[in-house]
């Protein structure tokens, strides 16, 4: 969706689309508790999406200015935030392992909240 992509970086937009697909599948399977939790995750991704886009732009600016320490710090922060979101996605995989969609399986290693 172009509106989504305009306000966040491509990876975060893809994550948001994946959560939406999983939420729709959960609704179709009448797993309303999971759908509710996925909806909350969608809102969280939308909330931080603009921040991630700004951090990504700042990182690119640091690289352009050859501020590699700054670029490295920003990269770490971006990865930490994405890791938290990806872990939350992994935590919302339906029991039984099958899942209602695929793509972002988890990983990440982020701890706590952003």
PDB file of N, CA and C in Angstrom:
ATOM      1  N   UNK A   1       0.854  -1.185   0.000  1.00  0.00           N
ATOM      2  CA  UNK A   1       0.000   0.000   0.000  1.00  0.00           C
ATOM      3  C   UNK A   1       0.892   1.237   0.000  1.00  0.00           C
ATOM      4  N   UNK A   2       0.711   2.098  -0.963  1.00  0.00           N
ATOM      5  CA  UNK A   2       1.559   3.265  -1.142  1.00  0.00           C
ATOM      6  C   UNK A   2       1.501   4.204   0.054  1.00  0.00           C
ATOM      7  N   UNK A   3       0.333   4.382   0.647  1.00  0.00           N
ATOM      8  CA  UNK A   3       0.206   5.278   1.802  1.00  0.00           C
ATOM      9  C   UNK A   3       1.070   4.793   2.952  1.00  0.00           C
ATOM     10  N   UNK A   4       1.130   3.488   3.152  1.00  0.00           N
ATOM     11  CA  UNK A   4       1.969   2.927   4.212  1.00  0.00           C
ATOM     12  C   UNK A   4       3.428   3.199   3.891  1.00  0.00           C
ATOM     13  N   UNK A   5       3.834   2.893   2.656  1.00  0.00           N
ATOM     14  CA  UNK A   5       5.231   3.010   2.270  1.00  0.00           C
ATOM     15  C   UNK A   5       5.745   4.444   2.353  1.00  0.00           C
ATOM     16  N   UNK A   6       4.884   5.430   2.185  1.00  0.00           N
ATOM     17  CA  UNK A   6       5.321   6.820   2.188  1.00  0.00           C
ATOM     18  C   UNK A   6       5.726   7.299   3.571  1.00  0.00           C
ATOM     19  N   UNK A   7       5.241   6.674   4.610  1.00  0.00           N
ATOM     20  CA  UNK A   7       5.494   7.164   5.959  1.00  0.00           C
ATOM     21  C   UNK A   7       6.463   6.303   6.741  1.00  0.00           C
ATOM     22  N   UNK A   8       7.031   5.279   6.108  1.00  0.00           N
ATOM     23  CA  UNK A   8       7.976   4.435   6.814  1.00  0.00           C
ATOM     24  C   UNK A   8       8.908   3.775   5.821  1.00  0.00           C
ATOM     25  N   UNK A   9      10.004   3.253   6.343  1.00  0.00           N
ATOM     26  CA  UNK A   9      10.957   2.593   5.463  1.00  0.00           C
ATOM     27  C   UNK A   9      10.358   1.284   4.947  1.00  0.00           C
ATOM     28  N   UNK A  10      10.956   0.749   3.905  1.00  0.00           N
ATOM     29  CA  UNK A  10      10.391  -0.417   3.210  1.00  0.00           C
ATOM     30  C   UNK A  10      10.283  -1.642   4.113  1.00  0.00           C
ATOM     31  N   UNK A  11      11.279  -1.871   4.952  1.00  0.00           N
ATOM     32  CA  UNK A  11      11.251  -3.060   5.817  1.00  0.00           C
ATOM     33  C   UNK A  11      10.119  -2.972   6.840  1.00  0.00           C
ATOM     34  N   UNK A  12       9.914  -1.802   7.397  1.00  0.00           N
ATOM     35  CA  UNK A  12       8.842  -1.619   8.377  1.00  0.00           C
ATOM     36  C   UNK A  12       7.483  -1.719   7.696  1.00  0.00           C
ATOM     37  N   UNK A  13       7.356  -1.170   6.482  1.00  0.00           N
ATOM     38  CA  UNK A  13       6.102  -1.280   5.731  1.00  0.00           C
ATOM     39  C   UNK A  13       5.788  -2.742   5.432  1.00  0.00           C
ATOM     40  N   UNK A  14       6.809  -3.524   5.081  1.00  0.00           N
ATOM     41  CA  UNK A  14       6.600  -4.950   4.815  1.00  0.00           C
ATOM     42  C   UNK A  14       6.155  -5.675   6.085  1.00  0.00           C
ATOM     43  N   UNK A  15       6.735  -5.294   7.210  1.00  0.00           N
ATOM     44  CA  UNK A  15       6.348  -5.891   8.483  1.00  0.00           C
ATOM     45  C   UNK A  15       4.881  -5.571   8.790  1.00  0.00           C
ATOM     46  N   UNK A  16       4.487  -4.339   8.540  1.00  0.00           N
ATOM     47  CA  UNK A  16       3.108  -3.931   8.791  1.00  0.00           C
ATOM     48  C   UNK A  16       2.141  -4.712   7.908  1.00  0.00           C
ATOM     49  N   UNK A  17       2.500  -4.886   6.635  1.00  0.00           N
ATOM     50  CA  UNK A  17       1.645  -5.671   5.737  1.00  0.00           C
ATOM     51  C   UNK A  17       1.547  -7.127   6.195  1.00  0.00           C
ATOM     52  N   UNK A  18       2.637  -7.687   6.676  1.00  0.00           N
ATOM     53  CA  UNK A  18       2.629  -9.068   7.170  1.00  0.00           C
ATOM     54  C   UNK A  18       1.700  -9.209   8.373  1.00  0.00           C
ATOM     55  N   UNK A  19       1.765  -8.263   9.294  1.00  0.00           N
ATOM     56  CA  UNK A  19       0.885  -8.307  10.466  1.00  0.00           C
ATOM     57  C   UNK A  19      -0.571  -8.187  10.030  1.00  0.00           C
ATOM     58  N   UNK A  20      -0.860  -7.323   9.062  1.00  0.00           N
ATOM     59  CA  UNK A  20      -2.233  -7.169   8.569  1.00  0.00           C
ATOM     60  C   UNK A  20      -2.732  -8.473   7.956  1.00  0.00           C
ATOM     61  N   UNK A  21      -1.873  -9.149   7.197  1.00  0.00           N
ATOM     62  CA  UNK A  21      -2.248 -10.421   6.587  1.00  0.00           C
ATOM     63  C   UNK A  21      -2.529 -11.466   7.667  1.00  0.00           C
ATOM     64  N   UNK A  22      -1.672 -11.519   8.663  1.00  0.00           N
ATOM     65  CA  UNK A  22      -1.872 -12.477   9.759  1.00  0.00           C
ATOM     66  C   UNK A  22      -3.135 -12.154  10.557  1.00  0.00           C
ATOM     67  N   UNK A  23      -3.425 -10.864  10.738  1.00  0.00           N
ATOM     68  CA  UNK A  23      -4.639 -10.472  11.455  1.00  0.00           C
ATOM     69  C   UNK A  23      -5.873 -10.896  10.672  1.00  0.00           C
ATOM     70  N   UNK A  24      -5.875 -10.662   9.363  1.00  0.00           N
ATOM     71  CA  UNK A  24      -7.004 -11.063   8.526  1.00  0.00           C
ATOM     72  C   UNK A  24      -7.212 -12.578   8.583  1.00  0.00           C
ATOM     73  N   UNK A  25      -6.119 -13.334   8.557  1.00  0.00           N
ATOM     74  CA  UNK A  25      -6.220 -14.792   8.637  1.00  0.00           C
ATOM     75  C   UNK A  25      -6.747 -15.234  10.000  1.00  0.00           C
ATOM     76  N   UNK A  26      -6.331 -14.548  11.055  1.00  0.00           N
ATOM     77  CA  UNK A  26      -6.823 -14.882  12.388  1.00  0.00           C
ATOM     78  C   UNK A  26      -8.327 -14.621  12.490  1.00  0.00           C
ATOM     79  N   UNK A  27      -8.776 -13.518  11.901  1.00  0.00           N
ATOM     80  CA  UNK A  27     -10.216 -13.212  11.898  1.00  0.00           C
ATOM     81  C   UNK A  27     -10.966 -14.295  11.127  1.00  0.00           C
ATOM     82  N   UNK A  28     -10.429 -14.686   9.962  1.00  0.00           N
ATOM     83  CA  UNK A  28     -11.084 -15.717   9.158  1.00  0.00           C
ATOM     84  C   UNK A  28     -11.160 -17.043   9.920  1.00  0.00           C
ATOM     85  N   UNK A  29     -10.153 -17.306  10.754  1.00  0.00           N
ATOM     86  CA  UNK A  29     -10.139 -18.537  11.553  1.00  0.00           C
ATOM     87  C   UNK A  29     -10.892 -18.359  12.878  1.00  0.00           C
ATOM     88  N   UNK A  30     -11.473 -17.189  13.063  1.00  0.00           N
ATOM     89  CA  UNK A  30     -12.212 -16.833  14.284  1.00  0.00           C
ATOM     90  C   UNK A  30     -11.352 -16.917  15.535  1.00  0.00           C
ATOM     91  N   UNK A  31     -10.070 -16.626  15.385  1.00  0.00           N
ATOM     92  CA  UNK A  31      -9.167 -16.515  16.527  1.00  0.00           C
ATOM     93  C   UNK A  31      -9.111 -15.033  16.893  1.00  0.00           C
ATOM     94  N   UNK A  32     -10.156 -14.569  17.554  1.00  0.00           N
ATOM     95  CA  UNK A  32     -10.326 -13.145  17.791  1.00  0.00           C
ATOM     96  C   UNK A  32      -9.339 -12.597  18.817  1.00  0.00           C
ATOM     97  N   UNK A  33      -8.908 -13.415  19.742  1.00  0.00           N
ATOM     98  CA  UNK A  33      -7.898 -12.969  20.710  1.00  0.00           C
ATOM     99  C   UNK A  33      -6.586 -12.647  19.982  1.00  0.00           C
ATOM    100  N   UNK A  34      -6.176 -13.537  19.078  1.00  0.00           N
ATOM    101  CA  UNK A  34      -4.966 -13.284  18.298  1.00  0.00           C
ATOM    102  C   UNK A  34      -5.162 -12.061  17.406  1.00  0.00           C
ATOM    103  N   UNK A  35      -6.321 -11.943  16.782  1.00  0.00           N
ATOM    104  CA  UNK A  35      -6.593 -10.785  15.924  1.00  0.00           C
ATOM    105  C   UNK A  35      -6.476  -9.486  16.725  1.00  0.00           C
ATOM    106  N   UNK A  36      -6.969  -9.485  17.930  1.00  0.00           N
ATOM    107  CA  UNK A  36      -6.896  -8.303  18.790  1.00  0.00           C
ATOM    108  C   UNK A  36      -5.438  -7.953  19.100  1.00  0.00           C
ATOM    109  N   UNK A  37      -4.637  -8.957  19.403  1.00  0.00           N
ATOM    110  CA  UNK A  37      -3.228  -8.717  19.718  1.00  0.00           C
ATOM    111  C   UNK A  37      -2.457  -8.259  18.472  1.00  0.00           C
ATOM    112  N   UNK A  38      -2.801  -8.813  17.309  1.00  0.00           N
ATOM    113  CA  UNK A  38      -2.158  -8.385  16.073  1.00  0.00           C
ATOM    114  C   UNK A  38      -2.547  -6.948  15.720  1.00  0.00           C
ATOM    115  N   UNK A  39      -3.791  -6.582  15.997  1.00  0.00           N
ATOM    116  CA  UNK A  39      -4.224  -5.206  15.765  1.00  0.00           C
ATOM    117  C   UNK A  39      -3.409  -4.241  16.624  1.00  0.00           C
ATOM    118  N   UNK A  40      -3.174  -4.606  17.870  1.00  0.00           N
ATOM    119  CA  UNK A  40      -2.362  -3.759  18.757  1.00  0.00           C
ATOM    120  C   UNK A  40      -0.937  -3.647  18.222  1.00  0.00           C
ATOM    121  N   UNK A  41      -0.397  -4.748  17.700  1.00  0.00           N
ATOM    122  CA  UNK A  41       0.940  -4.706  17.125  1.00  0.00           C
ATOM    123  C   UNK A  41       0.966  -3.821  15.881  1.00  0.00           C
ATOM    124  N   UNK A  42      -0.083  -3.889  15.050  1.00  0.00           N
ATOM    125  CA  UNK A  42      -0.181  -2.999  13.877  1.00  0.00           C
ATOM    126  C   UNK A  42      -0.089  -1.541  14.310  1.00  0.00           C
ATOM    127  N   UNK A  43      -0.822  -1.198  15.337  1.00  0.00           N
ATOM    128  CA  UNK A  43      -0.828   0.184  15.819  1.00  0.00           C
ATOM    129  C   UNK A  43       0.548   0.581  16.328  1.00  0.00           C
ATOM    130  N   UNK A  44       1.222  -0.342  17.002  1.00  0.00           N
ATOM    131  CA  UNK A  44       2.563  -0.051  17.504  1.00  0.00           C
ATOM    132  C   UNK A  44       3.541   0.153  16.342  1.00  0.00           C
ATOM    133  N   UNK A  45       3.446  -0.685  15.318  1.00  0.00           N
ATOM    134  CA  UNK A  45       4.331  -0.549  14.158  1.00  0.00           C
ATOM    135  C   UNK A  45       4.076   0.785  13.461  1.00  0.00           C
ATOM    136  N   UNK A  46       2.814   1.157  13.308  1.00  0.00           N
ATOM    137  CA  UNK A  46       2.494   2.462  12.698  1.00  0.00           C
ATOM    138  C   UNK A  46       3.089   3.604  13.517  1.00  0.00           C
ATOM    139  N   UNK A  47       3.006   3.461  14.833  1.00  0.00           N
ATOM    140  CA  UNK A  47       3.501   4.503  15.736  1.00  0.00           C
ATOM    141  C   UNK A  47       5.006   4.691  15.589  1.00  0.00           C
ATOM    142  N   UNK A  48       5.766   3.598  15.520  1.00  0.00           N
ATOM    143  CA  UNK A  48       7.219   3.712  15.448  1.00  0.00           C
ATOM    144  C   UNK A  48       7.729   3.795  14.007  1.00  0.00           C
ATOM    145  N   UNK A  49       6.853   3.540  13.025  1.00  0.00           N
ATOM    146  CA  UNK A  49       7.278   3.546  11.628  1.00  0.00           C
ATOM    147  C   UNK A  49       7.898   4.852  11.186  1.00  0.00           C
ATOM    148  N   UNK A  50       7.299   5.952  11.580  1.00  0.00           N
ATOM    149  CA  UNK A  50       7.853   7.261  11.227  1.00  0.00           C
ATOM    150  C   UNK A  50       9.199   7.496  11.883  1.00  0.00           C
ATOM    151  N   UNK A  51       9.329   7.040  13.122  1.00  0.00           N
ATOM    152  CA  UNK A  51      10.612   7.183  13.818  1.00  0.00           C
ATOM    153  C   UNK A  51      11.694   6.365  13.130  1.00  0.00           C
ATOM    154  N   UNK A  52      11.348   5.152  12.717  1.00  0.00           N
ATOM    155  CA  UNK A  52      12.326   4.323  12.010  1.00  0.00           C
ATOM    156  C   UNK A  52      12.730   4.959  10.682  1.00  0.00           C
ATOM    157  N   UNK A  53      11.771   5.537   9.981  1.00  0.00           N
ATOM    158  CA  UNK A  53      12.093   6.207   8.722  1.00  0.00           C
ATOM    159  C   UNK A  53      13.041   7.383   8.961  1.00  0.00           C
ATOM    160  N   UNK A  54      12.791   8.138  10.024  1.00  0.00           N
ATOM    161  CA  UNK A  54      13.659   9.274  10.345  1.00  0.00           C
ATOM    162  C   UNK A  54      15.057   8.796  10.734  1.00  0.00           C
ATOM    163  N   UNK A  55      15.131   7.739  11.529  1.00  0.00           N
ATOM    164  CA  UNK A  55      16.434   7.187  11.912  1.00  0.00           C
ATOM    165  C   UNK A  55      17.191   6.688  10.684  1.00  0.00           C
ATOM    166  N   UNK A  56      16.475   6.042   9.763  1.00  0.00           N
ATOM    167  CA  UNK A  56      17.099   5.547   8.536  1.00  0.00           C
ATOM    168  C   UNK A  56      17.637   6.706   7.694  1.00  0.00           C
ATOM    169  N   UNK A  57      16.873   7.782   7.603  1.00  0.00           N
ATOM    170  CA  UNK A  57      17.329   8.959   6.861  1.00  0.00           C
ATOM    171  C   UNK A  57      18.541   9.591   7.544  1.00  0.00           C
ATOM    172  N   UNK A  58      18.506   9.654   8.870  1.00  0.00           N
ATOM    173  CA  UNK A  58      19.641  10.200   9.615  1.00  0.00           C
ATOM    174  C   UNK A  58      20.891   9.344   9.410  1.00  0.00           C
ATOM    175  N   UNK A  59      20.711   8.029   9.376  1.00  0.00           N
ATOM    176  CA  UNK A  59      21.839   7.122   9.147  1.00  0.00           C
ATOM    177  C   UNK A  59      22.444   7.381   7.761  1.00  0.00           C
ATOM    178  N   UNK A  60      21.591   7.526   6.753  1.00  0.00           N
ATOM    179  CA  UNK A  60      22.074   7.802   5.397  1.00  0.00           C
ATOM    180  C   UNK A  60      22.839   9.127   5.355  1.00  0.00           C
ATOM    181  N   UNK A  61      22.339  10.111   6.080  1.00  0.00           N
ATOM    182  CA  UNK A  61      23.011  11.415   6.134  1.00  0.00           C
ATOM    183  C   UNK A  61      24.382  11.270   6.801  1.00  0.00           C
ATOM    184  N   UNK A  62      24.459  10.475   7.867  1.00  0.00           N
ATOM    185  CA  UNK A  62      25.747  10.245   8.532  1.00  0.00           C
ATOM    186  C   UNK A  62      26.741   9.582   7.585  1.00  0.00           C
ATOM    187  N   UNK A  63      26.261   8.601   6.820  1.00  0.00           N
ATOM    188  CA  UNK A  63      27.141   7.927   5.863  1.00  0.00           C
ATOM    189  C   UNK A  63      27.631   8.927   4.819  1.00  0.00           C
ATOM    190  N   UNK A  64      26.720   9.750   4.316  1.00  0.00           N
ATOM    191  CA  UNK A  64      27.088  10.749   3.311  1.00  0.00           C
ATOM    192  C   UNK A  64      28.150  11.707   3.852  1.00  0.00           C
ATOM    193  N   UNK A  65      28.025  12.034   5.134  1.00  0.00           N
ATOM    194  CA  UNK A  65      28.974  12.957   5.773  1.00  0.00           C
ATOM    195  C   UNK A  65      30.190  12.227   6.333  1.00  0.00           C
ATOM    196  N   UNK A  66      30.258  10.922   6.105  1.00  0.00           N
ATOM    197  CA  UNK A  66      31.341  10.070   6.585  1.00  0.00           C
ATOM    198  C   UNK A  66      31.448  10.058   8.105  1.00  0.00           C
ATOM    199  N   UNK A  67      30.319  10.226   8.778  1.00  0.00           N
ATOM    200  CA  UNK A  67      30.244  10.095  10.237  1.00  0.00           C
ATOM    201  C   UNK A  67      29.870   8.648  10.540  1.00  0.00           C
ATOM    202  N   UNK A  68      30.846   7.771  10.486  1.00  0.00           N
ATOM    203  CA  UNK A  68      30.575   6.345  10.602  1.00  0.00           C
ATOM    204  C   UNK A  68      30.232   5.927  12.025  1.00  0.00           C
ATOM    205  N   UNK A  69      30.731   6.656  13.023  1.00  0.00           N
ATOM    206  CA  UNK A  69      30.328   6.357  14.404  1.00  0.00           C
ATOM    207  C   UNK A  69      28.837   6.643  14.577  1.00  0.00           C
ATOM    208  N   UNK A  70      28.403   7.779  14.052  1.00  0.00           N
ATOM    209  CA  UNK A  70      26.981   8.131  14.127  1.00  0.00           C
ATOM    210  C   UNK A  70      26.126   7.144  13.359  1.00  0.00           C
ATOM    211  N   UNK A  71      26.572   6.764  12.172  1.00  0.00           N
ATOM    212  CA  UNK A  71      25.827   5.797  11.365  1.00  0.00           C
ATOM    213  C   UNK A  71      25.720   4.460  12.091  1.00  0.00           C
ATOM    214  N   UNK A  72      26.790   4.061  12.733  1.00  0.00           N
ATOM    215  CA  UNK A  72      26.790   2.788  13.467  1.00  0.00           C
ATOM    216  C   UNK A  72      25.817   2.835  14.645  1.00  0.00           C
ATOM    217  N   UNK A  73      25.817   3.943  15.387  1.00  0.00           N
ATOM    218  CA  UNK A  73      24.881   4.088  16.517  1.00  0.00           C
ATOM    219  C   UNK A  73      23.437   4.041  16.031  1.00  0.00           C
ATOM    220  N   UNK A  74      23.160   4.734  14.930  1.00  0.00           N
ATOM    221  CA  UNK A  74      21.800   4.742  14.388  1.00  0.00           C
ATOM    222  C   UNK A  74      21.400   3.355  13.883  1.00  0.00           C
ATOM    223  N   UNK A  75      22.319   2.674  13.231  1.00  0.00           N
ATOM    224  CA  UNK A  75      22.047   1.309  12.770  1.00  0.00           C
ATOM    225  C   UNK A  75      21.693   0.406  13.945  1.00  0.00           C
ATOM    226  N   UNK A  76      22.449   0.516  15.023  1.00  0.00           N
ATOM    227  CA  UNK A  76      22.166  -0.295  16.208  1.00  0.00           C
ATOM    228  C   UNK A  76      20.784   0.016  16.784  1.00  0.00           C
ATOM    229  N   UNK A  77      20.430   1.281  16.822  1.00  0.00           N
ATOM    230  CA  UNK A  77      19.117   1.678  17.351  1.00  0.00           C
ATOM    231  C   UNK A  77      17.992   1.172  16.453  1.00  0.00           C
ATOM    232  N   UNK A  78      18.164   1.304  15.139  1.00  0.00           N
ATOM    233  CA  UNK A  78      17.170   0.793  14.190  1.00  0.00           C
ATOM    234  C   UNK A  78      16.999  -0.707  14.370  1.00  0.00           C
ATOM    235  N   UNK A  79      18.108  -1.421  14.448  1.00  0.00           N
ATOM    236  CA  UNK A  79      18.043  -2.875  14.614  1.00  0.00           C
ATOM    237  C   UNK A  79      17.414  -3.276  15.937  1.00  0.00           C
ATOM    238  N   UNK A  80      17.673  -2.501  16.989  1.00  0.00           N
ATOM    239  CA  UNK A  80      17.073  -2.803  18.295  1.00  0.00           C
ATOM    240  C   UNK A  80      15.555  -2.667  18.236  1.00  0.00           C
ATOM    241  N   UNK A  81      15.083  -1.576  17.647  1.00  0.00           N
ATOM    242  CA  UNK A  81      13.637  -1.342  17.552  1.00  0.00           C
ATOM    243  C   UNK A  81      12.994  -2.417  16.678  1.00  0.00           C
ATOM    244  N   UNK A  82      13.594  -2.700  15.531  1.00  0.00           N
ATOM    245  CA  UNK A  82      13.044  -3.745  14.655  1.00  0.00           C
ATOM    246  C   UNK A  82      13.054  -5.094  15.351  1.00  0.00           C
ATOM    247  N   UNK A  83      14.104  -5.360  16.106  1.00  0.00           N
ATOM    248  CA  UNK A  83      14.197  -6.625  16.832  1.00  0.00           C
ATOM    249  C   UNK A  83      13.059  -6.796  17.824  1.00  0.00           C
ATOM    250  N   UNK A  84      12.723  -5.718  18.514  1.00  0.00           N
ATOM    251  CA  UNK A  84      11.598  -5.762  19.460  1.00  0.00           C
ATOM    252  C   UNK A  84      10.303  -6.073  18.710  1.00  0.00           C
ATOM    253  N   UNK A  85      10.086  -5.382  17.602  1.00  0.00           N
ATOM    254  CA  UNK A  85       8.860  -5.615  16.825  1.00  0.00           C
ATOM    255  C   UNK A  85       8.816  -7.040  16.272  1.00  0.00           C
ATOM    256  N   UNK A  86       9.935  -7.515  15.767  1.00  0.00           N
ATOM    257  CA  UNK A  86       9.972  -8.869  15.210  1.00  0.00           C
ATOM    258  C   UNK A  86       9.758  -9.917  16.292  1.00  0.00           C
ATOM    259  N   UNK A  87      10.300  -9.684  17.477  1.00  0.00           N
ATOM    260  CA  UNK A  87      10.075 -10.621  18.575  1.00  0.00           C
ATOM    261  C   UNK A  87       8.611 -10.636  18.966  1.00  0.00           C
ATOM    262  N   UNK A  88       7.982  -9.483  18.958  1.00  0.00           N
ATOM    263  CA  UNK A  88       6.557  -9.436  19.280  1.00  0.00           C
ATOM    264  C   UNK A  88       5.751 -10.183  18.222  1.00  0.00           C
ATOM    265  N   UNK A  89       6.159 -10.089  16.959  1.00  0.00           N
ATOM    266  CA  UNK A  89       5.485 -10.852  15.907  1.00  0.00           C
ATOM    267  C   UNK A  89       5.652 -12.348  16.155  1.00  0.00           C
ATOM    268  N   UNK A  90       6.868 -12.749  16.494  1.00  0.00           N
ATOM    269  CA  UNK A  90       7.132 -14.166  16.745  1.00  0.00           C
ATOM    270  C   UNK A  90       6.314 -14.655  17.931  1.00  0.00           C
ATOM    271  N   UNK A  91       6.163 -13.815  18.941  1.00  0.00           N
ATOM    272  CA  UNK A  91       5.379 -14.188  20.128  1.00  0.00           C
ATOM    273  C   UNK A  91       3.903 -14.366  19.804  1.00  0.00           C
ATOM    274  N   UNK A  92       3.453 -13.790  18.698  1.00  0.00           N
ATOM    275  CA  UNK A  92       2.042 -13.875  18.310  1.00  0.00           C
ATOM    276  C   UNK A  92       1.786 -14.966  17.278  1.00  0.00           C
ATOM    277  N   UNK A  93       2.732 -15.871  17.112  1.00  0.00           N
ATOM    278  CA  UNK A  93       2.504 -17.013  16.228  1.00  0.00           C
ATOM    279  C   UNK A  93       1.513 -17.929  16.907  1.00  0.00           C
ATOM    280  N   UNK A  94       0.468 -18.344  16.196  1.00  0.00           N
ATOM    281  CA  UNK A  94      -0.546 -19.202  16.822  1.00  0.00           C
ATOM    282  C   UNK A  94       0.063 -20.499  17.355  1.00  0.00           C
ATOM    283  N   UNK A  95      -0.531 -21.011  18.413  1.00  0.00           N
ATOM    284  CA  UNK A  95      -0.079 -22.271  18.980  1.00  0.00           C
ATOM    285  C   UNK A  95      -0.179 -23.366  17.935  1.00  0.00           C
ATOM    286  N   UNK A  96       0.699 -24.331  18.019  1.00  0.00           N
ATOM    287  CA  UNK A  96       0.694 -25.403  17.041  1.00  0.00           C
ATOM    288  C   UNK A  96       1.680 -25.139  15.920  1.00  0.00           C
ATOM    289  N   UNK A  97       2.274 -23.947  15.901  1.00  0.00           N
ATOM    290  CA  UNK A  97       3.359 -23.637  14.999  1.00  0.00           C
ATOM    291  C   UNK A  97       2.970 -23.286  13.582  1.00  0.00           C
ATOM    292  N   UNK A  98       1.794 -23.670  13.132  1.00  0.00           N
ATOM    293  CA  UNK A  98       1.447 -23.467  11.728  1.00  0.00           C
ATOM    294  C   UNK A  98       1.443 -22.019  11.327  1.00  0.00           C
ATOM    295  N   UNK A  99       0.687 -21.235  11.963  1.00  0.00           N
ATOM    296  CA  UNK A  99       0.635 -19.819  11.630  1.00  0.00           C
ATOM    297  C   UNK A  99      -0.408 -19.525  10.585  1.00  0.00           C
ATOM    298  N   UNK A 100      -0.772 -18.291  10.491  1.00  0.00           N
ATOM    299  CA  UNK A 100      -1.753 -17.817   9.525  1.00  0.00           C
ATOM    300  C   UNK A 100      -1.076 -16.910   8.531  1.00  0.00           C
ATOM    301  N   UNK A 101      -0.019 -17.267   8.000  1.00  0.00           N
ATOM    302  CA  UNK A 101       0.731 -16.385   7.128  1.00  0.00           C
ATOM    303  C   UNK A 101       2.173 -16.611   7.452  1.00  0.00           C
ATOM    304  N   UNK A 102       3.033 -16.049   6.712  1.00  0.00           N
ATOM    305  CA  UNK A 102       4.435 -16.280   6.986  1.00  0.00           C
ATOM    306  C   UNK A 102       5.220 -15.074   6.599  1.00  0.00           C
ATOM    307  N   UNK A 103       6.503 -15.236   6.570  1.00  0.00           N
ATOM    308  CA  UNK A 103       7.330 -14.130   6.159  1.00  0.00           C
ATOM    309  C   UNK A 103       8.245 -13.718   7.276  1.00  0.00           C
ATOM    310  N   UNK A 104       7.806 -12.886   8.141  1.00  0.00           N
ATOM    311  CA  UNK A 104       8.623 -12.450   9.271  1.00  0.00           C
ATOM    312  C   UNK A 104       8.443 -13.451  10.388  1.00  0.00           C
ATOM    313  N   UNK A 105       9.309 -14.419  10.488  1.00  0.00           N
ATOM    314  CA  UNK A 105       9.152 -15.458  11.482  1.00  0.00           C
ATOM    315  C   UNK A 105       9.630 -15.079  12.846  1.00  0.00           C
ATOM    316  N   UNK A 106      10.387 -14.069  12.979  1.00  0.00           N
ATOM    317  CA  UNK A 106      10.879 -13.707  14.295  1.00  0.00           C
ATOM    318  C   UNK A 106      12.341 -13.398  14.221  1.00  0.00           C
ATOM    319  N   UNK A 107      13.068 -13.848  15.222  1.00  0.00           N
ATOM    320  CA  UNK A 107      14.467 -13.505  15.295  1.00  0.00           C
ATOM    321  C   UNK A 107      14.586 -12.175  15.983  1.00  0.00           C
ATOM    322  N   UNK A 108      15.625 -11.470  15.704  1.00  0.00           N
ATOM    323  CA  UNK A 108      15.675 -10.181  16.337  1.00  0.00           C
ATOM    324  C   UNK A 108      16.453 -10.240  17.624  1.00  0.00           C
ATOM    325  N   UNK A 109      16.103 -10.480  18.714  1.00  0.00           N
ATOM    326  CA  UNK A 109      16.937 -10.455  19.862  1.00  0.00           C
ATOM    327  C   UNK A 109      16.752  -9.161  20.606  1.00  0.00           C
ATOM    328  N   UNK A 110      15.789  -8.368  20.230  1.00  0.00           N
ATOM    329  CA  UNK A 110      15.551  -7.158  20.975  1.00  0.00           C
ATOM    330  C   UNK A 110      14.980  -7.482  22.337  1.00  0.00           C
ATOM    331  N   UNK A 111      15.255  -6.635  23.261  1.00  0.00           N
ATOM    332  CA  UNK A 111      14.749  -6.869  24.605  1.00  0.00           C
ATOM    333  C   UNK A 111      13.922  -5.656  25.012  1.00  0.00           C
ATOM    334  N   UNK A 112      12.921  -5.921  25.795  1.00  0.00           N
ATOM    335  CA  UNK A 112      12.140  -4.826  26.338  1.00  0.00           C
ATOM    336  C   UNK A 112      11.380  -4.064  25.270  1.00  0.00           C
ATOM    337  N   UNK A 113      11.059  -2.863  25.586  1.00  0.00           N
ATOM    338  CA  UNK A 113      10.325  -2.020  24.641  1.00  0.00           C
ATOM    339  C   UNK A 113      11.288  -1.017  24.058  1.00  0.00           C
ATOM    340  N   UNK A 114      10.859  -0.389  23.009  1.00  0.00           N
ATOM    341  CA  UNK A 114      11.706   0.587  22.337  1.00  0.00           C
ATOM    342  C   UNK A 114      11.635   1.833  23.131  1.00  0.00           C
TER     343      UNK A 114
END
